[in-house]
Amino acid sequence: MQNLVYLLADEGSRESLAAESGCETSSMAKQAEADGLRVKLVESTHSHSDYTSTLDELAAKLGAKVVAHERSLCTTTRL
């Protein structure tokens, strides 16, 4: 399955936000590292499990915090 995921970054500070985590997190984590980004937040815009089930995994890989409305999260994801 393919998911649309995004890294939004401030060019000056290199701080960034990961929008969605997708089914697989390694490629986004590798891209953030390759771009020299410091991902501060991982967020989800909707509650489909293919987007929310890996939020914690991606946040852990990036040293980031998960931000999402509680109704958007799977029961296995905690804020």
C-alpha atoms as a PDB file:
ATOM      1  CA  MET A   1       0.000   0.000   0.000  1.00  0.00           C
ATOM      2  CA  GLN A   2       1.156   3.509  -0.726  1.00  0.00           C
ATOM      3  CA  ASN A   3       0.518   6.465   1.592  1.00  0.00           C
ATOM      4  CA  LEU A   4       1.058  10.170   1.100  1.00  0.00           C
ATOM      5  CA  VAL A   5       3.392  11.510   3.792  1.00  0.00           C
ATOM      6  CA  TYR A   6       5.084  14.894   4.091  1.00  0.00           C
ATOM      7  CA  LEU A   7       8.027  16.560   5.801  1.00  0.00           C
ATOM      8  CA  LEU A   8       7.446  20.282   6.321  1.00  0.00           C
ATOM      9  CA  ALA A   9      10.573  22.179   7.342  1.00  0.00           C
ATOM     10  CA  ASP A  10      11.838  25.625   8.230  1.00  0.00           C
ATOM     11  CA  GLU A  11      14.869  26.122   5.991  1.00  0.00           C
ATOM     12  CA  GLY A  12      16.669  28.297   8.526  1.00  0.00           C
ATOM     13  CA  SER A  13      16.325  26.262  11.711  1.00  0.00           C
ATOM     14  CA  ARG A  14      15.916  22.838  10.015  1.00  0.00           C
ATOM     15  CA  GLU A  15      13.096  22.113  12.504  1.00  0.00           C
ATOM     16  CA  SER A  16      10.293  20.173  10.898  1.00  0.00           C
ATOM     17  CA  LEU A  17       6.968  18.421  11.193  1.00  0.00           C
ATOM     18  CA  ALA A  18       6.157  14.993   9.791  1.00  0.00           C
ATOM     19  CA  ALA A  19       2.615  15.008   8.435  1.00  0.00           C
ATOM     20  CA  GLU A  20       1.239  11.453   8.552  1.00  0.00           C
ATOM     21  CA  SER A  21       3.364   8.402   9.277  1.00  0.00           C
ATOM     22  CA  GLY A  22       2.098   5.993   6.635  1.00  0.00           C
ATOM     23  CA  CYS A  23       2.337   2.219   6.633  1.00  0.00           C
ATOM     24  CA  GLU A  24       6.125   2.181   6.709  1.00  0.00           C
ATOM     25  CA  THR A  25       8.311   4.669   8.601  1.00  0.00           C
ATOM     26  CA  SER A  26      11.892   3.919   7.545  1.00  0.00           C
ATOM     27  CA  SER A  27      11.866   5.933   4.321  1.00  0.00           C
ATOM     28  CA  MET A  28      10.589   9.088   6.038  1.00  0.00           C
ATOM     29  CA  ALA A  29      13.120   8.748   8.856  1.00  0.00           C
ATOM     30  CA  LYS A  30      15.922   8.271   6.310  1.00  0.00           C
ATOM     31  CA  GLN A  31      14.767  11.278   4.287  1.00  0.00           C
ATOM     32  CA  ALA A  32      14.642  13.508   7.370  1.00  0.00           C
ATOM     33  CA  GLU A  33      18.175  12.461   8.258  1.00  0.00           C
ATOM     34  CA  ALA A  34      19.425  12.937   4.675  1.00  0.00           C
ATOM     35  CA  ASP A  35      17.938  16.447   4.630  1.00  0.00           C
ATOM     36  CA  GLY A  36      19.431  17.308   8.024  1.00  0.00           C
ATOM     37  CA  LEU A  37      16.015  17.915   9.569  1.00  0.00           C
ATOM     38  CA  ARG A  38      15.191  17.943  13.266  1.00  0.00           C
ATOM     39  CA  VAL A  39      11.641  16.616  13.321  1.00  0.00           C
ATOM     40  CA  LYS A  40       9.880  17.993  16.389  1.00  0.00           C
ATOM     41  CA  LEU A  41       6.317  16.797  15.755  1.00  0.00           C
ATOM     42  CA  VAL A  42       4.581  13.890  14.033  1.00  0.00           C
ATOM     43  CA  GLU A  43       0.917  14.530  13.261  1.00  0.00           C
ATOM     44  CA  SER A  44      -2.030  12.885  11.604  1.00  0.00           C
ATOM     45  CA  THR A  45      -4.845  14.617   9.780  1.00  0.00           C
ATOM     46  CA  HIS A  46      -7.343  11.767   9.822  1.00  0.00           C
ATOM     47  CA  SER A  47      -8.128   8.501  11.548  1.00  0.00           C
ATOM     48  CA  HIS A  48      -7.404   5.824   8.961  1.00  0.00           C
ATOM     49  CA  SER A  49      -5.371   3.130  10.697  1.00  0.00           C
ATOM     50  CA  ASP A  50      -2.829   2.957   7.864  1.00  0.00           C
ATOM     51  CA  TYR A  51      -1.889   6.516   8.822  1.00  0.00           C
ATOM     52  CA  THR A  52      -2.201   6.394  12.601  1.00  0.00           C
ATOM     53  CA  SER A  53      -0.923   2.942  13.569  1.00  0.00           C
ATOM     54  CA  THR A  54       2.727   3.942  13.051  1.00  0.00           C
ATOM     55  CA  LEU A  55       2.689   7.423  14.611  1.00  0.00           C
ATOM     56  CA  ASP A  56       4.471   6.278  17.778  1.00  0.00           C
ATOM     57  CA  GLU A  57       7.002   4.269  15.780  1.00  0.00           C
ATOM     58  CA  LEU A  58       7.905   7.246  13.583  1.00  0.00           C
ATOM     59  CA  ALA A  59       8.042   9.631  16.533  1.00  0.00           C
ATOM     60  CA  ALA A  60      10.419   7.273  18.364  1.00  0.00           C
ATOM     61  CA  LYS A  61      12.706   7.001  15.327  1.00  0.00           C
ATOM     62  CA  LEU A  62      12.816  10.778  14.973  1.00  0.00           C
ATOM     63  CA  GLY A  63      12.855  11.767  18.644  1.00  0.00           C
ATOM     64  CA  ALA A  64       9.628  13.680  18.077  1.00  0.00           C
ATOM     65  CA  LYS A  65       6.309  14.152  19.842  1.00  0.00           C
ATOM     66  CA  VAL A  66       2.981  12.865  18.453  1.00  0.00           C
ATOM     67  CA  VAL A  67       0.254  15.468  18.087  1.00  0.00           C
ATOM     68  CA  ALA A  68      -3.205  14.405  16.964  1.00  0.00           C
ATOM     69  CA  HIS A  69      -6.758  14.681  18.145  1.00  0.00           C
ATOM     70  CA  GLU A  70      -7.583  11.739  20.415  1.00  0.00           C
ATOM     71  CA  ARG A  71     -10.419  10.657  18.099  1.00  0.00           C
ATOM     72  CA  SER A  72      -7.902  10.324  15.260  1.00  0.00           C
ATOM     73  CA  LEU A  73      -5.719   7.817  17.057  1.00  0.00           C
ATOM     74  CA  CYS A  74      -5.820   4.044  17.074  1.00  0.00           C
ATOM     75  CA  THR A  75      -6.252   2.525  20.504  1.00  0.00           C
ATOM     76  CA  THR A  76      -2.622   1.396  20.457  1.00  0.00           C
ATOM     77  CA  THR A  77      -1.305   4.951  20.063  1.00  0.00           C
ATOM     78  CA  ARG A  78      -0.825   7.106  23.120  1.00  0.00           C
ATOM     79  CA  LEU A  79      -0.087  10.831  23.419  1.00  0.00           C
END
